[in-house]
Amino acid sequence: MNINTNVRNLLIILVIAALVLVLPNGGTAARVALQAISLGFLSAIAWIASRMYREHRTTLYSLGDRRRCVLYVAVGVATLTFSASGRMLGGGIPTVAWLLLIGGSAYAVYAVFRSAKQY
């Protein structure tokens, strides 16, 4: 029997969803699986960031102390802001602060790279 790949994948997802719904503590198991996937994703991001740092270390050191400091602070602010997204994106003033922090970080990174390319 030859089943279309999309149909097969949809059936797999529906079976897993039915198991989560029917089995006792299925919601807990789903949350554990989601946390495991999230940790794997964050580990992959950390690994890629460390590889990128090692590959471009001389470029980063050639930026100079001031520009490198601005770059690192901007990346740190963006990281902390993204980690607080669940609390800040509820609406109102925290959402505006989130947008300003992310926008300011993006502009700082852009300004550092633009000033580095001028020479």
PDB file of N, CA and C in Angstrom:
ATOM      1  N   MET A   1       0.853  -1.180   0.000  1.00  0.00           N
ATOM      2  CA  MET A   1       0.000   0.000   0.000  1.00  0.00           C
ATOM      3  C   MET A   1       0.891   1.232   0.000  1.00  0.00           C
ATOM      4  N   ASN A   2       0.636   2.146  -0.897  1.00  0.00           N
ATOM      5  CA  ASN A   2       1.448   3.337  -1.060  1.00  0.00           C
ATOM      6  C   ASN A   2       0.635   4.556  -0.626  1.00  0.00           C
ATOM      7  N   ILE A   3       1.033   5.173   0.514  1.00  0.00           N
ATOM      8  CA  ILE A   3       0.324   6.325   1.061  1.00  0.00           C
ATOM      9  C   ILE A   3       1.155   7.572   0.795  1.00  0.00           C
ATOM     10  N   ASN A   4       0.469   8.626   0.453  1.00  0.00           N
ATOM     11  CA  ASN A   4       1.138   9.906   0.260  1.00  0.00           C
ATOM     12  C   ASN A   4       1.874  10.292   1.552  1.00  0.00           C
ATOM     13  N   THR A   5       3.065  10.873   1.409  1.00  0.00           N
ATOM     14  CA  THR A   5       3.882  11.227   2.576  1.00  0.00           C
ATOM     15  C   THR A   5       3.174  12.232   3.473  1.00  0.00           C
ATOM     16  N   ASN A   6       2.499  13.202   2.897  1.00  0.00           N
ATOM     17  CA  ASN A   6       1.791  14.206   3.707  1.00  0.00           C
ATOM     18  C   ASN A   6       0.650  13.580   4.497  1.00  0.00           C
ATOM     19  N   VAL A   7      -0.066  12.672   3.878  1.00  0.00           N
ATOM     20  CA  VAL A   7      -1.173  12.004   4.573  1.00  0.00           C
ATOM     21  C   VAL A   7      -0.623  11.149   5.716  1.00  0.00           C
ATOM     22  N   ARG A   8       0.467  10.429   5.460  1.00  0.00           N
ATOM     23  CA  ARG A   8       1.084   9.612   6.500  1.00  0.00           C
ATOM     24  C   ARG A   8       1.523  10.460   7.687  1.00  0.00           C
ATOM     25  N   ASN A   9       2.177  11.603   7.410  1.00  0.00           N
ATOM     26  CA  ASN A   9       2.625  12.485   8.490  1.00  0.00           C
ATOM     27  C   ASN A   9       1.444  13.046   9.282  1.00  0.00           C
ATOM     28  N   LEU A  10       0.374  13.393   8.595  1.00  0.00           N
ATOM     29  CA  LEU A  10      -0.820  13.889   9.277  1.00  0.00           C
ATOM     30  C   LEU A  10      -1.415  12.803  10.165  1.00  0.00           C
ATOM     31  N   LEU A  11      -1.443  11.582   9.700  1.00  0.00           N
ATOM     32  CA  LEU A  11      -1.968  10.479  10.510  1.00  0.00           C
ATOM     33  C   LEU A  11      -1.101  10.249  11.750  1.00  0.00           C
ATOM     34  N   ILE A  12       0.208  10.352  11.608  1.00  0.00           N
ATOM     35  CA  ILE A  12       1.098  10.192  12.763  1.00  0.00           C
ATOM     36  C   ILE A  12       0.808  11.265  13.802  1.00  0.00           C
ATOM     37  N   ILE A  13       0.646  12.501  13.367  1.00  0.00           N
ATOM     38  CA  ILE A  13       0.354  13.602  14.293  1.00  0.00           C
ATOM     39  C   ILE A  13      -0.993  13.386  14.979  1.00  0.00           C
ATOM     40  N   LEU A  14      -1.995  12.932  14.226  1.00  0.00           N
ATOM     41  CA  LEU A  14      -3.312  12.687  14.815  1.00  0.00           C
ATOM     42  C   LEU A  14      -3.268  11.548  15.841  1.00  0.00           C
ATOM     43  N   VAL A  15      -2.496  10.505  15.570  1.00  0.00           N
ATOM     44  CA  VAL A  15      -2.375   9.398  16.526  1.00  0.00           C
ATOM     45  C   VAL A  15      -1.699   9.876  17.807  1.00  0.00           C
ATOM     46  N   ILE A  16      -0.624  10.659  17.667  1.00  0.00           N
ATOM     47  CA  ILE A  16       0.057  11.184  18.854  1.00  0.00           C
ATOM     48  C   ILE A  16      -0.873  12.093  19.647  1.00  0.00           C
ATOM     49  N   ALA A  17      -1.635  12.945  18.967  1.00  0.00           N
ATOM     50  CA  ALA A  17      -2.582  13.832  19.660  1.00  0.00           C
ATOM     51  C   ALA A  17      -3.652  13.019  20.378  1.00  0.00           C
ATOM     52  N   ALA A  18      -4.134  11.951  19.754  1.00  0.00           N
ATOM     53  CA  ALA A  18      -5.141  11.106  20.404  1.00  0.00           C
ATOM     54  C   ALA A  18      -4.558  10.419  21.635  1.00  0.00           C
ATOM     55  N   LEU A  19      -3.308   9.977  21.556  1.00  0.00           N
ATOM     56  CA  LEU A  19      -2.677   9.359  22.718  1.00  0.00           C
ATOM     57  C   LEU A  19      -2.522  10.351  23.867  1.00  0.00           C
ATOM     58  N   VAL A  20      -2.158  11.576  23.555  1.00  0.00           N
ATOM     59  CA  VAL A  20      -2.026  12.596  24.599  1.00  0.00           C
ATOM     60  C   VAL A  20      -3.381  12.869  25.238  1.00  0.00           C
ATOM     61  N   LEU A  21      -4.426  12.859  24.436  1.00  0.00           N
ATOM     62  CA  LEU A  21      -5.765  13.142  24.949  1.00  0.00           C
ATOM     63  C   LEU A  21      -6.313  11.985  25.780  1.00  0.00           C
ATOM     64  N   VAL A  22      -6.092  10.758  25.356  1.00  0.00           N
ATOM     65  CA  VAL A  22      -6.724   9.599  25.971  1.00  0.00           C
ATOM     66  C   VAL A  22      -5.945   9.062  27.172  1.00  0.00           C
ATOM     67  N   LEU A  23      -4.640   8.985  27.064  1.00  0.00           N
ATOM     68  CA  LEU A  23      -3.842   8.372  28.135  1.00  0.00           C
ATOM     69  C   LEU A  23      -3.845   9.235  29.392  1.00  0.00           C
ATOM     70  N   PRO A  24      -3.826   8.595  30.568  1.00  0.00           N
ATOM     71  CA  PRO A  24      -3.714   9.379  31.799  1.00  0.00           C
ATOM     72  C   PRO A  24      -2.329  10.028  31.869  1.00  0.00           C
ATOM     73  N   ASN A  25      -2.294  11.253  32.341  1.00  0.00           N
ATOM     74  CA  ASN A  25      -1.074  12.057  32.405  1.00  0.00           C
ATOM     75  C   ASN A  25      -0.464  12.286  31.030  1.00  0.00           C
ATOM     76  N   GLY A  26      -1.271  12.258  29.992  1.00  0.00           N
ATOM     77  CA  GLY A  26      -0.774  12.516  28.641  1.00  0.00           C
ATOM     78  C   GLY A  26      -0.325  13.959  28.481  1.00  0.00           C
ATOM     79  N   GLY A  27      -1.012  14.881  29.148  1.00  0.00           N
ATOM     80  CA  GLY A  27      -0.617  16.290  29.089  1.00  0.00           C
ATOM     81  C   GLY A  27       0.741  16.522  29.726  1.00  0.00           C
ATOM     82  N   THR A  28       0.990  15.820  30.824  1.00  0.00           N
ATOM     83  CA  THR A  28       2.294  15.935  31.492  1.00  0.00           C
ATOM     84  C   THR A  28       3.397  15.394  30.594  1.00  0.00           C
ATOM     85  N   ALA A  29       3.140  14.265  29.973  1.00  0.00           N
ATOM     86  CA  ALA A  29       4.130  13.683  29.062  1.00  0.00           C
ATOM     87  C   ALA A  29       4.385  14.611  27.878  1.00  0.00           C
ATOM     88  N   ALA A  30       3.340  15.253  27.386  1.00  0.00           N
ATOM     89  CA  ALA A  30       3.507  16.178  26.273  1.00  0.00           C
ATOM     90  C   ALA A  30       4.339  17.382  26.698  1.00  0.00           C
ATOM     91  N   ARG A  31       4.131  17.880  27.923  1.00  0.00           N
ATOM     92  CA  ARG A  31       4.928  19.012  28.406  1.00  0.00           C
ATOM     93  C   ARG A  31       6.392  18.622  28.583  1.00  0.00           C
ATOM     94  N   VAL A  32       6.631  17.403  29.067  1.00  0.00           N
ATOM     95  CA  VAL A  32       8.011  16.924  29.214  1.00  0.00           C
ATOM     96  C   VAL A  32       8.678  16.816  27.847  1.00  0.00           C
ATOM     97  N   ALA A  33       7.962  16.272  26.881  1.00  0.00           N
ATOM     98  CA  ALA A  33       8.517  16.150  25.527  1.00  0.00           C
ATOM     99  C   ALA A  33       8.793  17.525  24.929  1.00  0.00           C
ATOM    100  N   LEU A  34       7.889  18.474  25.160  1.00  0.00           N
ATOM    101  CA  LEU A  34       8.093  19.829  24.647  1.00  0.00           C
ATOM    102  C   LEU A  34       9.299  20.493  25.303  1.00  0.00           C
ATOM    103  N   GLN A  35       9.480  20.281  26.601  1.00  0.00           N
ATOM    104  CA  GLN A  35      10.653  20.828  27.288  1.00  0.00           C
ATOM    105  C   GLN A  35      11.938  20.199  26.756  1.00  0.00           C
ATOM    106  N   ALA A  36      11.917  18.903  26.487  1.00  0.00           N
ATOM    107  CA  ALA A  36      13.097  18.231  25.940  1.00  0.00           C
ATOM    108  C   ALA A  36      13.441  18.774  24.558  1.00  0.00           C
ATOM    109  N   ILE A  37      12.434  18.993  23.736  1.00  0.00           N
ATOM    110  CA  ILE A  37      12.658  19.564  22.411  1.00  0.00           C
ATOM    111  C   ILE A  37      13.190  20.985  22.534  1.00  0.00           C
ATOM    112  N   SER A  38      12.641  21.772  23.452  1.00  0.00           N
ATOM    113  CA  SER A  38      13.112  23.145  23.656  1.00  0.00           C
ATOM    114  C   SER A  38      14.566  23.183  24.118  1.00  0.00           C
ATOM    115  N   LEU A  39      14.922  22.293  25.042  1.00  0.00           N
ATOM    116  CA  LEU A  39      16.311  22.230  25.498  1.00  0.00           C
ATOM    117  C   LEU A  39      17.251  21.813  24.376  1.00  0.00           C
ATOM    118  N   GLY A  40      16.824  20.890  23.553  1.00  0.00           N
ATOM    119  CA  GLY A  40      17.636  20.492  22.401  1.00  0.00           C
ATOM    120  C   GLY A  40      17.825  21.650  21.425  1.00  0.00           C
ATOM    121  N   PHE A  41      16.757  22.409  21.208  1.00  0.00           N
ATOM    122  CA  PHE A  41      16.834  23.563  20.316  1.00  0.00           C
ATOM    123  C   PHE A  41      17.769  24.620  20.878  1.00  0.00           C
ATOM    124  N   LEU A  42      17.664  24.909  22.168  1.00  0.00           N
ATOM    125  CA  LEU A  42      18.551  25.895  22.784  1.00  0.00           C
ATOM    126  C   LEU A  42      19.994  25.418  22.787  1.00  0.00           C
ATOM    127  N   SER A  43      20.208  24.132  22.978  1.00  0.00           N
ATOM    128  CA  SER A  43      21.566  23.589  22.913  1.00  0.00           C
ATOM    129  C   SER A  43      22.145  23.738  21.510  1.00  0.00           C
ATOM    130  N   ALA A  44      21.332  23.512  20.508  1.00  0.00           N
ATOM    131  CA  ALA A  44      21.792  23.680  19.132  1.00  0.00           C
ATOM    132  C   ALA A  44      22.152  25.131  18.850  1.00  0.00           C
ATOM    133  N   ILE A  45      21.342  26.068  19.351  1.00  0.00           N
ATOM    134  CA  ILE A  45      21.646  27.486  19.163  1.00  0.00           C
ATOM    135  C   ILE A  45      22.950  27.848  19.854  1.00  0.00           C
ATOM    136  N   ALA A  46      23.163  27.356  21.077  1.00  0.00           N
ATOM    137  CA  ALA A  46      24.407  27.642  21.801  1.00  0.00           C
ATOM    138  C   ALA A  46      25.609  27.048  21.068  1.00  0.00           C
ATOM    139  N   TRP A  47      25.460  25.850  20.534  1.00  0.00           N
ATOM    140  CA  TRP A  47      26.555  25.223  19.811  1.00  0.00           C
ATOM    141  C   TRP A  47      26.895  26.016  18.546  1.00  0.00           C
ATOM    142  N   ILE A  48      25.868  26.448  17.798  1.00  0.00           N
ATOM    143  CA  ILE A  48      26.099  27.242  16.588  1.00  0.00           C
ATOM    144  C   ILE A  48      26.745  28.572  16.941  1.00  0.00           C
ATOM    145  N   ALA A  49      26.298  29.196  18.024  1.00  0.00           N
ATOM    146  CA  ALA A  49      26.897  30.474  18.439  1.00  0.00           C
ATOM    147  C   ALA A  49      28.364  30.303  18.802  1.00  0.00           C
ATOM    148  N   SER A  50      28.702  29.214  19.498  1.00  0.00           N
ATOM    149  CA  SER A  50      30.109  28.996  19.858  1.00  0.00           C
ATOM    150  C   SER A  50      30.949  28.714  18.621  1.00  0.00           C
ATOM    151  N   ARG A  51      30.408  27.976  17.659  1.00  0.00           N
ATOM    152  CA  ARG A  51      31.133  27.718  16.413  1.00  0.00           C
ATOM    153  C   ARG A  51      31.351  29.013  15.634  1.00  0.00           C
ATOM    154  N   MET A  52      30.321  29.839  15.565  1.00  0.00           N
ATOM    155  CA  MET A  52      30.450  31.114  14.845  1.00  0.00           C
ATOM    156  C   MET A  52      31.475  32.010  15.521  1.00  0.00           C
ATOM    157  N   TYR A  53      31.486  32.020  16.851  1.00  0.00           N
ATOM    158  CA  TYR A  53      32.470  32.826  17.572  1.00  0.00           C
ATOM    159  C   TYR A  53      33.882  32.342  17.267  1.00  0.00           C
ATOM    160  N   ARG A  54      34.079  31.031  17.299  1.00  0.00           N
ATOM    161  CA  ARG A  54      35.423  30.494  17.042  1.00  0.00           C
ATOM    162  C   ARG A  54      35.872  30.755  15.610  1.00  0.00           C
ATOM    163  N   GLU A  55      34.950  30.684  14.654  1.00  0.00           N
ATOM    164  CA  GLU A  55      35.314  30.901  13.260  1.00  0.00           C
ATOM    165  C   GLU A  55      35.588  32.362  12.950  1.00  0.00           C
ATOM    166  N   HIS A  56      34.925  33.288  13.667  1.00  0.00           N
ATOM    167  CA  HIS A  56      35.048  34.713  13.361  1.00  0.00           C
ATOM    168  C   HIS A  56      35.703  35.490  14.500  1.00  0.00           C
ATOM    169  N   ARG A  57      36.509  34.830  15.290  1.00  0.00           N
ATOM    170  CA  ARG A  57      37.138  35.467  16.440  1.00  0.00           C
ATOM    171  C   ARG A  57      38.049  36.621  16.028  1.00  0.00           C
ATOM    172  N   THR A  58      38.836  36.443  14.976  1.00  0.00           N
ATOM    173  CA  THR A  58      39.746  37.512  14.563  1.00  0.00           C
ATOM    174  C   THR A  58      38.977  38.718  14.044  1.00  0.00           C
ATOM    175  N   THR A  59      37.875  38.472  13.363  1.00  0.00           N
ATOM    176  CA  THR A  59      37.043  39.585  12.889  1.00  0.00           C
ATOM    177  C   THR A  59      36.462  40.355  14.066  1.00  0.00           C
ATOM    178  N   LEU A  60      36.004  39.638  15.081  1.00  0.00           N
ATOM    179  CA  LEU A  60      35.449  40.310  16.260  1.00  0.00           C
ATOM    180  C   LEU A  60      36.512  41.125  16.988  1.00  0.00           C
ATOM    181  N   TYR A  61      37.721  40.574  17.128  1.00  0.00           N
ATOM    182  CA  TYR A  61      38.780  41.315  17.819  1.00  0.00           C
ATOM    183  C   TYR A  61      39.269  42.499  17.000  1.00  0.00           C
ATOM    184  N   SER A  62      39.118  42.429  15.676  1.00  0.00           N
ATOM    185  CA  SER A  62      39.541  43.557  14.850  1.00  0.00           C
ATOM    186  C   SER A  62      38.551  44.718  14.897  1.00  0.00           C
ATOM    187  N   LEU A  63      37.387  44.516  15.494  1.00  0.00           N
ATOM    188  CA  LEU A  63      36.414  45.609  15.617  1.00  0.00           C
ATOM    189  C   LEU A  63      36.900  46.706  16.554  1.00  0.00           C
ATOM    190  N   GLY A  64      37.717  46.368  17.489  1.00  0.00           N
ATOM    191  CA  GLY A  64      38.122  47.322  18.508  1.00  0.00           C
ATOM    192  C   GLY A  64      37.280  47.143  19.756  1.00  0.00           C
ATOM    193  N   ASP A  65      37.782  47.689  20.854  1.00  0.00           N
ATOM    194  CA  ASP A  65      37.113  47.469  22.141  1.00  0.00           C
ATOM    195  C   ASP A  65      35.730  48.094  22.211  1.00  0.00           C
ATOM    196  N   ARG A  66      35.587  49.323  21.739  1.00  0.00           N
ATOM    197  CA  ARG A  66      34.303  50.022  21.866  1.00  0.00           C
ATOM    198  C   ARG A  66      33.212  49.347  21.049  1.00  0.00           C
ATOM    199  N   ARG A  67      33.502  49.060  19.771  1.00  0.00           N
ATOM    200  CA  ARG A  67      32.485  48.438  18.930  1.00  0.00           C
ATOM    201  C   ARG A  67      32.166  47.014  19.397  1.00  0.00           C
ATOM    202  N   ARG A  68      33.178  46.288  19.835  1.00  0.00           N
ATOM    203  CA  ARG A  68      32.942  44.938  20.338  1.00  0.00           C
ATOM    204  C   ARG A  68      32.080  44.972  21.593  1.00  0.00           C
ATOM    205  N   CYS A  69      32.309  45.954  22.459  1.00  0.00           N
ATOM    206  CA  CYS A  69      31.495  46.101  23.667  1.00  0.00           C
ATOM    207  C   CYS A  69      30.043  46.397  23.305  1.00  0.00           C
ATOM    208  N   VAL A  70      29.834  47.305  22.352  1.00  0.00           N
ATOM    209  CA  VAL A  70      28.466  47.626  21.914  1.00  0.00           C
ATOM    210  C   VAL A  70      27.805  46.387  21.333  1.00  0.00           C
ATOM    211  N   LEU A  71      28.544  45.626  20.543  1.00  0.00           N
ATOM    212  CA  LEU A  71      27.995  44.412  19.942  1.00  0.00           C
ATOM    213  C   LEU A  71      27.600  43.394  21.005  1.00  0.00           C
ATOM    214  N   TYR A  72      28.478  43.145  21.973  1.00  0.00           N
ATOM    215  CA  TYR A  72      28.184  42.167  23.016  1.00  0.00           C
ATOM    216  C   TYR A  72      27.022  42.612  23.901  1.00  0.00           C
ATOM    217  N   VAL A  73      26.968  43.890  24.226  1.00  0.00           N
ATOM    218  CA  VAL A  73      25.852  44.388  25.047  1.00  0.00           C
ATOM    219  C   VAL A  73      24.540  44.260  24.280  1.00  0.00           C
ATOM    220  N   ALA A  74      24.550  44.588  22.979  1.00  0.00           N
ATOM    221  CA  ALA A  74      23.332  44.476  22.175  1.00  0.00           C
ATOM    222  C   ALA A  74      22.850  43.031  22.098  1.00  0.00           C
ATOM    223  N   VAL A  75      23.771  42.097  21.911  1.00  0.00           N
ATOM    224  CA  VAL A  75      23.388  40.684  21.855  1.00  0.00           C
ATOM    225  C   VAL A  75      22.870  40.228  23.219  1.00  0.00           C
ATOM    226  N   GLY A  76      23.486  40.685  24.295  1.00  0.00           N
ATOM    227  CA  GLY A  76      23.021  40.328  25.636  1.00  0.00           C
ATOM    228  C   GLY A  76      21.638  40.881  25.938  1.00  0.00           C
ATOM    229  N   VAL A  77      21.402  42.143  25.566  1.00  0.00           N
ATOM    230  CA  VAL A  77      20.078  42.746  25.790  1.00  0.00           C
ATOM    231  C   VAL A  77      19.021  42.013  24.978  1.00  0.00           C
ATOM    232  N   ALA A  78      19.342  41.684  23.727  1.00  0.00           N
ATOM    233  CA  ALA A  78      18.379  40.952  22.896  1.00  0.00           C
ATOM    234  C   ALA A  78      18.087  39.572  23.489  1.00  0.00           C
ATOM    235  N   THR A  79      19.107  38.902  23.990  1.00  0.00           N
ATOM    236  CA  THR A  79      18.913  37.576  24.584  1.00  0.00           C
ATOM    237  C   THR A  79      18.022  37.654  25.818  1.00  0.00           C
ATOM    238  N   LEU A  80      18.310  38.605  26.704  1.00  0.00           N
ATOM    239  CA  LEU A  80      17.469  38.760  27.896  1.00  0.00           C
ATOM    240  C   LEU A  80      16.045  39.171  27.547  1.00  0.00           C
ATOM    241  N   THR A  81      15.903  40.028  26.541  1.00  0.00           N
ATOM    242  CA  THR A  81      14.564  40.466  26.136  1.00  0.00           C
ATOM    243  C   THR A  81      13.777  39.304  25.545  1.00  0.00           C
ATOM    244  N   PHE A  82      14.425  38.488  24.708  1.00  0.00           N
ATOM    245  CA  PHE A  82      13.724  37.330  24.158  1.00  0.00           C
ATOM    246  C   PHE A  82      13.355  36.328  25.242  1.00  0.00           C
ATOM    247  N   SER A  83      14.205  36.198  26.256  1.00  0.00           N
ATOM    248  CA  SER A  83      13.875  35.253  27.322  1.00  0.00           C
ATOM    249  C   SER A  83      12.706  35.748  28.179  1.00  0.00           C
ATOM    250  N   ALA A  84      12.462  37.043  28.180  1.00  0.00           N
ATOM    251  CA  ALA A  84      11.343  37.600  28.942  1.00  0.00           C
ATOM    252  C   ALA A  84      10.123  37.868  28.066  1.00  0.00           C
ATOM    253  N   SER A  85      10.108  37.341  26.868  1.00  0.00           N
ATOM    254  CA  SER A  85       9.004  37.606  25.943  1.00  0.00           C
ATOM    255  C   SER A  85       7.662  37.171  26.502  1.00  0.00           C
ATOM    256  N   GLY A  86       7.619  36.063  27.211  1.00  0.00           N
ATOM    257  CA  GLY A  86       6.357  35.578  27.759  1.00  0.00           C
ATOM    258  C   GLY A  86       5.720  36.555  28.732  1.00  0.00           C
ATOM    259  N   ARG A  87       6.547  37.273  29.465  1.00  0.00           N
ATOM    260  CA  ARG A  87       6.032  38.245  30.435  1.00  0.00           C
ATOM    261  C   ARG A  87       5.771  39.604  29.811  1.00  0.00           C
ATOM    262  N   MET A  88       6.579  39.965  28.823  1.00  0.00           N
ATOM    263  CA  MET A  88       6.522  41.326  28.298  1.00  0.00           C
ATOM    264  C   MET A  88       5.507  41.505  27.177  1.00  0.00           C
ATOM    265  N   LEU A  89       5.110  40.446  26.509  1.00  0.00           N
ATOM    266  CA  LEU A  89       4.224  40.595  25.359  1.00  0.00           C
ATOM    267  C   LEU A  89       2.752  40.440  25.715  1.00  0.00           C
ATOM    268  N   GLY A  90       2.387  40.831  26.915  1.00  0.00           N
ATOM    269  CA  GLY A  90       0.995  40.761  27.336  1.00  0.00           C
ATOM    270  C   GLY A  90       0.190  41.987  26.950  1.00  0.00           C
ATOM    271  N   GLY A  91       0.833  43.001  26.450  1.00  0.00           N
ATOM    272  CA  GLY A  91       0.153  44.227  26.066  1.00  0.00           C
ATOM    273  C   GLY A  91       0.556  45.387  26.954  1.00  0.00           C
ATOM    274  N   GLY A  92       0.353  46.577  26.459  1.00  0.00           N
ATOM    275  CA  GLY A  92       0.636  47.778  27.230  1.00  0.00           C
ATOM    276  C   GLY A  92       2.096  48.195  27.196  1.00  0.00           C
ATOM    277  N   ILE A  93       2.527  48.814  28.290  1.00  0.00           N
ATOM    278  CA  ILE A  93       3.878  49.370  28.380  1.00  0.00           C
ATOM    279  C   ILE A  93       4.968  48.299  28.247  1.00  0.00           C
ATOM    280  N   PRO A  94       4.839  47.109  28.849  1.00  0.00           N
ATOM    281  CA  PRO A  94       5.892  46.100  28.653  1.00  0.00           C
ATOM    282  C   PRO A  94       6.090  45.706  27.183  1.00  0.00           C
ATOM    283  N   THR A  95       5.025  45.694  26.407  1.00  0.00           N
ATOM    284  CA  THR A  95       5.163  45.362  24.987  1.00  0.00           C
ATOM    285  C   THR A  95       5.927  46.451  24.254  1.00  0.00           C
ATOM    286  N   VAL A  96       5.651  47.691  24.579  1.00  0.00           N
ATOM    287  CA  VAL A  96       6.387  48.805  23.974  1.00  0.00           C
ATOM    288  C   VAL A  96       7.856  48.740  24.376  1.00  0.00           C
ATOM    289  N   ALA A  97       8.123  48.417  25.646  1.00  0.00           N
ATOM    290  CA  ALA A  97       9.505  48.273  26.111  1.00  0.00           C
ATOM    291  C   ALA A  97      10.199  47.132  25.376  1.00  0.00           C
ATOM    292  N   TRP A  98       9.492  46.020  25.162  1.00  0.00           N
ATOM    293  CA  TRP A  98      10.063  44.893  24.433  1.00  0.00           C
ATOM    294  C   TRP A  98      10.446  45.314  23.020  1.00  0.00           C
ATOM    295  N   LEU A  99       9.537  46.015  22.343  1.00  0.00           N
ATOM    296  CA  LEU A  99       9.825  46.480  20.983  1.00  0.00           C
ATOM    297  C   LEU A  99      11.009  47.437  20.952  1.00  0.00           C
ATOM    298  N   LEU A 100      11.082  48.347  21.916  1.00  0.00           N
ATOM    299  CA  LEU A 100      12.195  49.290  21.961  1.00  0.00           C
ATOM    300  C   LEU A 100      13.523  48.586  22.228  1.00  0.00           C
ATOM    301  N   LEU A 101      13.528  47.627  23.144  1.00  0.00           N
ATOM    302  CA  LEU A 101      14.763  46.894  23.447  1.00  0.00           C
ATOM    303  C   LEU A 101      15.241  46.076  22.249  1.00  0.00           C
ATOM    304  N   ILE A 102      14.338  45.374  21.603  1.00  0.00           N
ATOM    305  CA  ILE A 102      14.720  44.575  20.436  1.00  0.00           C
ATOM    306  C   ILE A 102      15.140  45.485  19.289  1.00  0.00           C
ATOM    307  N   GLY A 103      14.401  46.551  19.065  1.00  0.00           N
ATOM    308  CA  GLY A 103      14.768  47.494  18.005  1.00  0.00           C
ATOM    309  C   GLY A 103      16.106  48.161  18.271  1.00  0.00           C
ATOM    310  N   GLY A 104      16.346  48.564  19.527  1.00  0.00           N
ATOM    311  CA  GLY A 104      17.627  49.169  19.877  1.00  0.00           C
ATOM    312  C   GLY A 104      18.783  48.204  19.721  1.00  0.00           C
ATOM    313  N   SER A 105      18.574  46.956  20.086  1.00  0.00           N
ATOM    314  CA  SER A 105      19.623  45.944  19.927  1.00  0.00           C
ATOM    315  C   SER A 105      19.921  45.702  18.455  1.00  0.00           C
ATOM    316  N   ALA A 106      18.880  45.592  17.654  1.00  0.00           N
ATOM    317  CA  ALA A 106      19.079  45.374  16.219  1.00  0.00           C
ATOM    318  C   ALA A 106      19.809  46.558  15.587  1.00  0.00           C
ATOM    319  N   TYR A 107      19.439  47.773  15.981  1.00  0.00           N
ATOM    320  CA  TYR A 107      20.112  48.948  15.439  1.00  0.00           C
ATOM    321  C   TYR A 107      21.574  48.993  15.877  1.00  0.00           C
ATOM    322  N   ALA A 108      21.857  48.628  17.116  1.00  0.00           N
ATOM    323  CA  ALA A 108      23.239  48.641  17.598  1.00  0.00           C
ATOM    324  C   ALA A 108      24.097  47.643  16.817  1.00  0.00           C
ATOM    325  N   VAL A 109      23.573  46.448  16.572  1.00  0.00           N
ATOM    326  CA  VAL A 109      24.317  45.465  15.787  1.00  0.00           C
ATOM    327  C   VAL A 109      24.539  45.983  14.370  1.00  0.00           C
ATOM    328  N   TYR A 110      23.499  46.561  13.776  1.00  0.00           N
ATOM    329  CA  TYR A 110      23.616  47.124  12.433  1.00  0.00           C
ATOM    330  C   TYR A 110      24.644  48.251  12.404  1.00  0.00           C
ATOM    331  N   ALA A 111      24.632  49.127  13.391  1.00  0.00           N
ATOM    332  CA  ALA A 111      25.572  50.247  13.432  1.00  0.00           C
ATOM    333  C   ALA A 111      27.009  49.772  13.576  1.00  0.00           C
ATOM    334  N   VAL A 112      27.229  48.724  14.376  1.00  0.00           N
ATOM    335  CA  VAL A 112      28.582  48.186  14.541  1.00  0.00           C
ATOM    336  C   VAL A 112      29.088  47.618  13.221  1.00  0.00           C
ATOM    337  N   PHE A 113      28.277  46.828  12.549  1.00  0.00           N
ATOM    338  CA  PHE A 113      28.727  46.248  11.292  1.00  0.00           C
ATOM    339  C   PHE A 113      28.875  47.293  10.205  1.00  0.00           C
ATOM    340  N   ARG A 114      28.017  48.282  10.203  1.00  0.00           N
ATOM    341  CA  ARG A 114      28.142  49.343   9.200  1.00  0.00           C
ATOM    342  C   ARG A 114      29.424  50.154   9.436  1.00  0.00           C
ATOM    343  N   SER A 115      29.724  50.471  10.678  1.00  0.00           N
ATOM    344  CA  SER A 115      30.942  51.233  10.945  1.00  0.00           C
ATOM    345  C   SER A 115      32.188  50.387  10.679  1.00  0.00           C
ATOM    346  N   ALA A 116      32.095  49.077  10.860  1.00  0.00           N
ATOM    347  CA  ALA A 116      33.235  48.210  10.579  1.00  0.00           C
ATOM    348  C   ALA A 116      33.495  48.092   9.080  1.00  0.00           C
ATOM    349  N   LYS A 117      32.460  48.192   8.268  1.00  0.00           N
ATOM    350  CA  LYS A 117      32.620  48.057   6.817  1.00  0.00           C
ATOM    351  C   LYS A 117      33.062  49.364   6.153  1.00  0.00           C
ATOM    352  N   GLN A 118      33.046  50.475   6.860  1.00  0.00           N
ATOM    353  CA  GLN A 118      33.413  51.758   6.254  1.00  0.00           C
ATOM    354  C   GLN A 118      34.911  51.866   6.007  1.00  0.00           C
ATOM    355  N   TYR A 119      35.715  51.099   6.720  1.00  0.00           N
ATOM    356  CA  TYR A 119      37.171  51.220   6.563  1.00  0.00           C
ATOM    357  C   TYR A 119      37.712  50.285   5.561  1.00  0.00           C
TER     358      TYR A 119
END
